[in-house]
Amino acid sequence: MKKLVELCFLFFLFFVTAAQAQFMSIKVSSNTDNQGYNGVFYSLPRVVLQVDVISTKTISLPGPYANYARQVLGLTDFISKEEISYSIQSIHLSSFVEADPNAVYFLNLGDRSGKIDRNFLLLLQENGILKGMDEITMANQEARATQIELQKADFVRDFKYHADLNQVTRVDTIVRRMTVDTTRIEDVVFNRTSVEKSMEQRAQDAASMYMNIQKNRIELLSGYQEVSYPIQTLQMMNKELIKLESDYLALFKGKHLESQEKYSYFIVPEGDKSKQIYPVFKFSKENGVSDLASTSGERVNVMVQTNGITDVLKKQSSKDKVEGIFYRIPETARVWVNFNNADFSKETFIIPQLGVLQAIGTGKTIFSIDPKTGMLKAIEVK
């Protein structure tokens, strides 16, 4: 019987006409006995809330010459050690409709033999039968929290212009003094060898190049070369010099590398309270988005505040069996995300499963049910 629950898919347009008969709708569960052979299964809809979170991961990477930033350039605002931090870029709420496994019914049509005066039309889908299982209803509880990487880190950890010439020519002067008889002779020999630059020397070279770039850009903008460049050429050269200047400065100040990740969570609102709280995930600046079982981070909750229609209307169909067909008067709810006592992404949704269950007889009536809300769309009484 559990398979029958899974096969009852929500998206249908339901029309019933009957001359004089009343049909019986029976609630189906895993313990329901066989209710007859002449009938069909149908389901009422429910809404699933989808919470999409985009988290930004920032890596603060120190430059290779960070130890000389203060000494060489006099910088005080620079990255001294590598750190990783997270922030929430955006939270988006949306919804989709699926079959409600807690609202599956069997419509018993009874014995139709010899009753030619009881013609009726039953339309559940375009092809006249239940559509069955759709990909959206296959999302089980284990798949209700998925982590998808939105985009790869589009950055390079290496610093430009760091891999410059690593050797410098060292000249050693060797003086040889010789005395021949009473004559003193000095022989000067220059011995040239290549030695590796120290990090401080390389930092000095990078700082000199940075200062030269600054000087060249000022001369370009001030017209020092006395060359009348077209405005487009001037803008392009200035842009390239700014980029070059920034790359050399990053050797001392460091840089921030960013990437983004997307997380999707699914919530099924249930219960009869006017205000409901659903913990979704945890978030911290150190570890980013994590599951509720994580020991670090603060909880991020989805808040659902109903409009109050269930307080006005009384449930008419509290039984599991009625003559006719079940439908719902859906509830409207305000939904938002709460984190650290701040509210985000406030939306309004129609949530059928929080509404009021009703029933309508099928005798001498024609009616249709909205497949998204389970509410009556139209009714004709003959």
Protein backbone atom coordinates (compact mmCIF):
# COMPACT_ATOMS: atom_id res chain seq x y z
CA MET A 1 0.00 0.00 0.00
CA LYS A 2 3.01 2.26 0.52
CA LYS A 3 3.66 2.11 -3.21
CA LEU A 4 0.15 3.39 -3.84
CA VAL A 5 0.96 6.46 -1.78
CA GLU A 6 4.04 7.15 -3.90
CA LEU A 7 2.09 6.71 -7.13
CA CYS A 8 -0.50 9.36 -6.23
CA PHE A 9 0.81 12.49 -7.91
CA LEU A 10 -0.69 15.89 -7.26
CA PHE A 11 -0.81 17.69 -10.58
CA PHE A 12 -4.29 16.97 -11.83
CA LEU A 13 -7.43 18.82 -12.89
CA PHE A 14 -10.36 17.06 -11.29
CA PHE A 15 -13.85 17.12 -12.82
CA VAL A 16 -16.68 14.87 -11.65
CA THR A 17 -20.27 14.77 -12.89
CA ALA A 18 -22.90 12.41 -11.59
CA ALA A 19 -26.57 12.07 -12.32
CA GLN A 20 -27.76 10.87 -8.97
CA ALA A 21 -24.92 8.96 -7.30
CA GLN A 22 -22.68 9.76 -4.38
CA PHE A 23 -19.16 8.30 -4.42
CA MET A 24 -17.08 7.46 -1.39
CA SER A 25 -13.57 8.92 -0.74
CA ILE A 26 -11.48 6.92 1.69
CA LYS A 27 -8.17 8.06 3.19
CA VAL A 28 -5.29 5.75 2.28
CA SER A 29 -2.41 4.82 4.55
CA SER A 30 -0.02 1.92 4.97
CA ASN A 31 -2.62 0.19 7.18
CA THR A 32 -5.60 0.72 4.88
CA ASP A 33 -7.34 -2.46 3.73
CA ASN A 34 -8.49 -3.04 0.18
CA GLN A 35 -11.41 -0.66 -0.45
CA GLY A 36 -12.66 -2.20 -3.67
CA TYR A 37 -11.62 -2.74 -7.22
CA ASN A 38 -13.66 -0.03 -8.99
CA GLY A 39 -12.06 3.29 -8.21
CA VAL A 40 -9.04 5.57 -8.55
CA PHE A 41 -6.47 7.09 -6.22
CA TYR A 42 -5.94 10.81 -5.98
CA SER A 43 -3.93 13.11 -3.79
CA LEU A 44 -4.17 16.65 -2.49
CA PRO A 45 -1.20 18.98 -2.95
CA ARG A 46 1.37 20.21 -0.49
CA VAL A 47 3.95 22.97 -0.82
CA VAL A 48 7.65 22.47 -0.16
CA LEU A 49 9.73 25.53 0.72
CA GLN A 50 13.17 25.71 -0.89
CA VAL A 51 15.90 27.75 0.80
CA ASP A 52 18.84 28.62 -1.49
CA VAL A 53 21.90 30.03 0.25
CA ILE A 54 24.94 31.49 -1.51
CA SER A 55 28.00 31.63 0.73
CA THR A 56 31.18 33.55 -0.11
CA LYS A 57 34.52 32.07 0.94
CA THR A 58 37.33 34.61 1.30
CA ILE A 59 41.00 33.61 1.59
CA SER A 60 43.27 36.39 2.84
CA LEU A 61 46.69 35.54 1.39
CA PRO A 62 49.83 37.43 2.52
CA GLY A 63 52.26 38.68 -0.12
CA PRO A 64 55.73 37.13 -0.48
CA TYR A 65 57.27 40.40 0.75
CA ALA A 66 54.84 41.01 3.61
CA ASN A 67 57.70 40.97 6.14
CA TYR A 68 59.21 44.01 4.41
CA ALA A 69 55.99 45.94 3.76
CA ARG A 70 56.57 48.29 6.70
CA GLN A 71 60.32 48.54 6.25
CA VAL A 72 60.43 49.15 2.50
CA LEU A 73 57.16 50.93 1.68
CA GLY A 74 56.03 52.04 5.12
CA LEU A 75 52.75 50.12 4.85
CA THR A 76 50.71 49.40 7.97
CA ASP A 77 47.59 47.90 6.35
CA PHE A 78 48.75 44.58 4.97
CA ILE A 79 47.93 40.88 5.42
CA SER A 80 50.43 39.24 7.74
CA LYS A 81 49.07 35.67 7.79
CA GLU A 82 46.73 33.46 5.75
CA GLU A 83 43.14 33.38 6.98
CA ILE A 84 39.84 31.95 5.71
CA SER A 85 36.47 33.55 6.42
CA TYR A 86 32.90 33.04 5.21
CA SER A 87 29.94 35.34 4.70
CA ILE A 88 26.36 34.90 3.48
CA GLN A 89 25.93 36.66 0.17
CA SER A 90 22.24 35.96 -0.34
CA ILE A 91 19.31 33.84 0.85
CA HIS A 92 16.42 33.14 -1.52
CA LEU A 93 13.07 31.53 -0.72
CA SER A 94 10.97 29.71 -3.31
CA SER A 95 8.41 26.89 -3.36
CA PHE A 96 7.18 24.00 -5.46
CA VAL A 97 4.18 21.68 -5.29
CA GLU A 98 4.23 17.92 -4.86
CA ALA A 99 1.83 15.18 -3.86
CA ASP A 100 1.04 15.07 -0.16
CA PRO A 101 1.67 11.51 1.10
CA ASN A 102 -0.50 12.33 4.12
CA ALA A 103 -3.48 13.23 1.93
CA VAL A 104 -3.94 10.28 -0.45
CA TYR A 105 -7.50 9.04 -1.05
CA PHE A 106 -9.24 6.22 -2.85
CA LEU A 107 -12.37 7.24 -4.74
CA ASN A 108 -14.65 4.22 -4.69
CA LEU A 109 -16.98 4.33 -7.71
CA GLY A 110 -19.04 1.33 -6.61
CA ASP A 111 -20.68 -1.25 -8.82
CA ARG A 112 -21.38 0.30 -12.24
CA SER A 113 -23.05 -2.74 -13.85
CA GLY A 114 -26.51 -2.06 -15.25
CA LYS A 115 -26.54 1.62 -14.22
CA ILE A 116 -26.63 3.33 -17.60
CA ASP A 117 -28.39 6.35 -16.08
CA ARG A 118 -25.40 7.17 -13.95
CA ASN A 119 -22.95 8.53 -16.50
CA PHE A 120 -20.08 10.67 -15.27
CA LEU A 121 -16.72 12.12 -16.35
CA LEU A 122 -13.59 11.79 -14.20
CA LEU A 123 -10.53 13.72 -15.44
CA LEU A 124 -7.29 13.43 -13.49
CA GLN A 125 -4.73 14.31 -16.14
CA GLU A 126 -4.47 15.19 -19.81
CA ASN A 127 -4.38 11.48 -20.70
CA GLY A 128 -7.26 10.62 -18.38
CA ILE A 129 -5.21 8.65 -15.82
CA LEU A 130 -2.91 9.47 -12.95
CA LYS A 131 0.46 10.61 -14.17
CA GLY A 132 2.22 8.53 -11.54
CA MET A 133 5.62 9.50 -10.12
CA ASP A 134 7.32 12.70 -11.17
CA GLU A 135 10.98 13.60 -10.64
CA ILE A 136 10.06 16.29 -8.10
CA THR A 137 8.37 13.75 -5.80
CA MET A 138 11.43 11.50 -5.77
CA ALA A 139 13.25 13.86 -3.40
CA ASN A 140 13.44 11.77 -0.25
CA GLN A 141 14.49 13.00 3.17
CA GLU A 142 18.14 12.09 2.57
CA ALA A 143 18.20 14.28 -0.55
CA ARG A 144 16.53 17.29 1.03
CA ALA A 145 19.82 18.98 1.85
CA THR A 146 22.21 19.16 -1.10
CA GLN A 147 25.42 21.11 -1.45
CA ILE A 148 26.31 22.27 -4.96
CA GLU A 149 29.39 24.24 -5.80
CA LEU A 150 28.16 27.30 -7.69
CA GLN A 151 31.42 28.32 -9.27
CA LYS A 152 35.05 27.34 -9.03
CA ALA A 153 37.54 29.72 -7.45
CA ASP A 154 38.50 31.89 -10.39
CA PHE A 155 41.81 33.10 -9.03
CA VAL A 156 45.51 32.36 -8.97
CA ARG A 157 47.26 31.96 -5.64
CA ASP A 158 50.61 33.01 -7.11
CA PHE A 159 51.57 36.66 -7.13
CA LYS A 160 52.56 38.25 -10.42
CA TYR A 161 56.08 39.59 -10.92
CA HIS A 162 57.31 37.66 -7.91
CA ALA A 163 59.37 35.27 -10.04
CA ASP A 164 61.87 37.83 -11.30
CA LEU A 165 65.62 37.40 -11.72
CA ASN A 166 66.91 35.71 -8.64
CA GLN A 167 70.60 36.37 -9.14
CA VAL A 168 72.82 39.43 -8.98
CA THR A 169 76.36 39.90 -10.15
CA ARG A 170 78.88 40.27 -7.35
CA VAL A 171 82.26 41.81 -8.16
CA ASP A 172 85.16 40.92 -5.90
CA THR A 173 88.27 43.05 -6.26
CA ILE A 174 91.50 41.15 -5.63
CA VAL A 175 94.67 43.20 -5.24
CA ARG A 176 97.96 41.38 -5.55
CA ARG A 177 101.07 43.19 -4.28
CA MET A 178 104.46 42.03 -5.49
CA THR A 179 107.93 43.43 -4.80
CA VAL A 180 110.57 42.89 -7.45
CA ASP A 181 113.95 44.10 -6.26
CA THR A 182 113.10 47.56 -5.01
CA THR A 183 110.00 47.99 -7.17
CA ARG A 184 106.52 47.39 -5.66
CA ILE A 185 103.87 46.22 -8.13
CA GLU A 186 100.08 45.97 -7.50
CA ASP A 187 98.02 43.68 -9.74
CA VAL A 188 94.27 44.38 -9.53
CA VAL A 189 91.96 41.50 -10.52
CA PHE A 190 88.14 41.82 -10.74
CA ASN A 191 86.43 38.51 -10.01
CA ARG A 192 82.76 38.48 -11.11
CA THR A 193 80.38 35.78 -9.80
CA SER A 194 76.59 35.39 -9.66
CA VAL A 195 74.99 35.06 -6.23
CA GLU A 196 71.38 34.60 -5.16
CA LYS A 197 69.49 37.70 -4.06
CA SER A 198 68.19 37.85 -0.55
CA MET A 199 64.47 38.34 0.06
CA GLU A 200 65.17 41.87 1.23
CA GLN A 201 66.97 42.67 -2.02
CA ARG A 202 64.11 41.27 -4.06
CA ALA A 203 61.65 43.29 -1.98
CA GLN A 204 63.73 46.41 -2.68
CA ASP A 205 63.64 45.66 -6.42
CA ALA A 206 59.84 45.19 -6.36
CA ALA A 207 59.41 48.42 -4.41
CA SER A 208 61.59 50.30 -6.92
CA MET A 209 59.52 48.95 -9.79
CA TYR A 210 56.32 49.97 -7.98
CA MET A 211 57.60 53.52 -7.51
CA ASN A 212 58.67 53.71 -11.17
CA ILE A 213 55.21 52.63 -12.32
CA GLN A 214 53.64 55.32 -10.16
CA LYS A 215 56.01 57.90 -11.62
CA ASN A 216 55.29 56.80 -15.21
CA ARG A 217 51.54 57.00 -14.66
CA ILE A 218 51.77 60.51 -13.22
CA GLU A 219 53.92 61.60 -16.16
CA LEU A 220 51.45 60.04 -18.59
CA LEU A 221 48.46 61.83 -17.05
CA SER A 222 50.30 65.15 -16.73
CA GLY A 223 51.47 65.14 -20.34
CA TYR A 224 55.16 65.02 -19.42
CA GLN A 225 56.07 63.23 -22.68
CA GLU A 226 54.42 66.04 -24.67
CA VAL A 227 52.76 63.48 -26.91
CA SER A 228 49.16 64.01 -27.93
CA TYR A 229 47.70 60.53 -27.38
CA PRO A 230 44.11 59.83 -28.45
CA ILE A 231 41.80 59.67 -25.44
CA GLN A 232 41.15 55.95 -25.95
CA THR A 233 44.89 55.20 -26.00
CA LEU A 234 45.46 57.30 -22.91
CA GLN A 235 42.69 55.50 -21.03
CA MET A 236 44.00 52.08 -22.04
CA MET A 237 47.57 52.86 -20.98
CA ASN A 238 46.39 54.31 -17.67
CA LYS A 239 44.26 51.21 -17.03
CA GLU A 240 47.19 48.88 -17.69
CA LEU A 241 49.51 50.91 -15.48
CA ILE A 242 46.96 50.83 -12.63
CA LYS A 243 46.72 47.05 -12.97
CA LEU A 244 50.50 46.71 -13.02
CA GLU A 245 50.80 48.98 -9.99
CA SER A 246 48.20 46.93 -8.11
CA ASP A 247 50.02 43.66 -8.87
CA TYR A 248 53.31 44.96 -7.51
CA LEU A 249 51.63 46.41 -4.43
CA ALA A 250 49.98 43.03 -3.76
CA LEU A 251 53.46 41.55 -3.31
CA PHE A 252 53.58 43.51 -0.05
CA LYS A 253 49.93 43.98 0.97
CA GLY A 254 48.66 40.53 -0.06
CA LYS A 255 45.32 39.84 -1.68
CA HIS A 256 41.86 38.44 -1.02
CA LEU A 257 40.69 35.43 -3.04
CA GLU A 258 36.94 34.76 -3.26
CA SER A 259 34.82 31.80 -4.34
CA GLN A 260 31.13 31.03 -3.96
CA GLU A 261 29.14 27.97 -2.94
CA LYS A 262 25.41 27.31 -3.17
CA TYR A 263 23.45 25.25 -0.65
CA SER A 264 19.81 24.17 -1.09
CA TYR A 265 17.56 23.03 1.75
CA PHE A 266 13.93 21.88 1.66
CA ILE A 267 11.30 22.41 4.35
CA VAL A 268 7.79 20.91 4.49
CA PRO A 269 5.63 23.13 6.73
CA GLU A 270 3.41 21.08 9.01
CA GLY A 271 1.58 21.53 12.26
CA ASP A 272 -1.28 23.65 13.53
CA LYS A 273 0.56 26.52 15.24
CA SER A 274 0.11 30.00 13.83
CA LYS A 275 3.86 30.67 14.07
CA GLN A 276 6.28 27.87 13.27
CA ILE A 277 10.07 27.73 13.44
CA TYR A 278 12.11 25.35 11.29
CA PRO A 279 15.90 25.17 11.90
CA VAL A 280 17.60 24.73 8.53
CA PHE A 281 21.39 24.92 8.93
CA LYS A 282 24.16 26.50 10.96
CA PHE A 283 26.53 29.26 9.89
CA SER A 284 29.78 30.66 11.25
CA LYS A 285 32.42 33.01 9.84
CA GLU A 286 35.10 30.39 10.46
CA ASN A 287 33.42 27.29 8.94
CA GLY A 288 30.65 28.72 6.74
CA VAL A 289 27.46 26.73 6.16
CA SER A 290 27.19 23.43 8.06
CA ASP A 291 24.54 20.91 9.08
CA LEU A 292 22.47 21.28 12.22
CA ALA A 293 24.49 18.54 13.85
CA SER A 294 27.62 20.70 13.70
CA THR A 295 29.02 21.90 17.02
CA SER A 296 29.99 25.32 15.64
CA GLY A 297 27.92 28.15 14.23
CA GLU A 298 24.59 29.80 14.88
CA ARG A 299 21.28 28.31 13.74
CA VAL A 300 19.53 29.76 10.73
CA ASN A 301 15.74 29.35 10.99
CA VAL A 302 12.83 29.56 8.56
CA MET A 303 9.88 31.32 10.18
CA VAL A 304 6.30 30.62 9.02
CA GLN A 305 3.48 32.92 10.18
CA THR A 306 0.04 31.81 9.02
CA ASN A 307 -2.73 34.21 7.99
CA GLY A 308 -5.20 32.65 10.43
CA ILE A 309 -7.81 31.05 8.18
CA THR A 310 -7.62 27.83 10.20
CA ASP A 311 -8.71 29.81 13.25
CA VAL A 312 -11.87 31.00 11.47
CA LEU A 313 -12.94 27.80 9.71
CA LYS A 314 -13.67 24.59 11.51
CA LYS A 315 -12.57 21.32 10.01
CA GLN A 316 -15.65 19.75 8.49
CA SER A 317 -14.02 16.53 7.33
CA SER A 318 -12.11 15.14 10.28
CA LYS A 319 -13.09 11.60 9.32
CA ASP A 320 -11.13 9.33 7.01
CA LYS A 321 -14.20 8.55 4.88
CA VAL A 322 -16.76 10.87 3.26
CA GLU A 323 -19.40 10.71 0.54
CA GLY A 324 -17.87 12.81 -2.21
CA ILE A 325 -14.37 14.19 -2.69
CA PHE A 326 -11.93 15.91 -0.35
CA TYR A 327 -10.55 19.35 -1.08
CA ARG A 328 -8.69 22.01 0.89
CA ILE A 329 -9.15 25.65 1.72
CA PRO A 330 -5.45 26.61 1.65
CA GLU A 331 -3.65 28.79 4.16
CA THR A 332 -1.60 31.87 3.28
CA ALA A 333 1.61 32.34 5.24
CA ARG A 334 4.39 34.88 5.57
CA VAL A 335 7.75 33.15 5.38
CA TRP A 336 11.17 34.59 6.16
CA VAL A 337 14.65 33.57 7.26
CA ASN A 338 15.97 34.57 10.69
CA PHE A 339 19.65 34.67 11.59
CA ASN A 340 21.20 36.43 14.58
CA ASN A 341 17.89 38.20 15.31
CA ALA A 342 17.83 39.67 11.79
CA ASP A 343 15.18 38.81 9.15
CA PHE A 344 15.95 38.09 5.48
CA SER A 345 14.06 37.25 2.28
CA LYS A 346 10.47 37.85 3.37
CA GLU A 347 7.95 36.19 1.04
CA THR A 348 4.27 35.18 1.01
CA PHE A 349 3.25 31.66 -0.02
CA ILE A 350 0.03 29.67 -0.29
CA ILE A 351 0.56 26.51 1.80
CA PRO A 352 -2.30 24.01 1.29
CA GLN A 353 -1.32 21.52 3.99
CA LEU A 354 -1.71 24.20 6.67
CA GLY A 355 -5.26 24.93 5.50
CA VAL A 356 -8.65 23.38 6.28
CA LEU A 357 -9.76 20.02 4.89
CA GLN A 358 -13.30 20.00 3.44
CA ALA A 359 -15.45 17.66 1.37
CA ILE A 360 -18.02 18.10 -1.38
CA GLY A 361 -20.65 15.67 -2.59
CA THR A 362 -20.62 14.50 -6.18
CA GLY A 363 -24.38 14.23 -6.69
CA LYS A 364 -25.60 16.43 -9.56
CA THR A 365 -22.50 18.61 -9.49
CA ILE A 366 -19.65 19.55 -11.82
CA PHE A 367 -16.55 21.00 -10.21
CA SER A 368 -12.83 21.46 -10.69
CA ILE A 369 -9.96 21.50 -8.17
CA ASP A 370 -6.81 23.63 -8.46
CA PRO A 371 -3.85 21.21 -8.69
CA LYS A 372 -1.53 23.69 -6.92
CA THR A 373 -3.65 24.47 -3.89
CA GLY A 374 -6.29 21.73 -3.67
CA MET A 375 -8.98 24.43 -3.55
CA LEU A 376 -12.21 24.37 -5.56
CA LYS A 377 -11.79 26.47 -8.69
CA ALA A 378 -15.34 26.19 -10.01
CA ILE A 379 -18.55 24.35 -9.20
CA GLU A 380 -21.82 23.89 -11.05
CA VAL A 381 -24.86 22.50 -9.26
CA LYS A 382 -27.61 21.03 -11.45
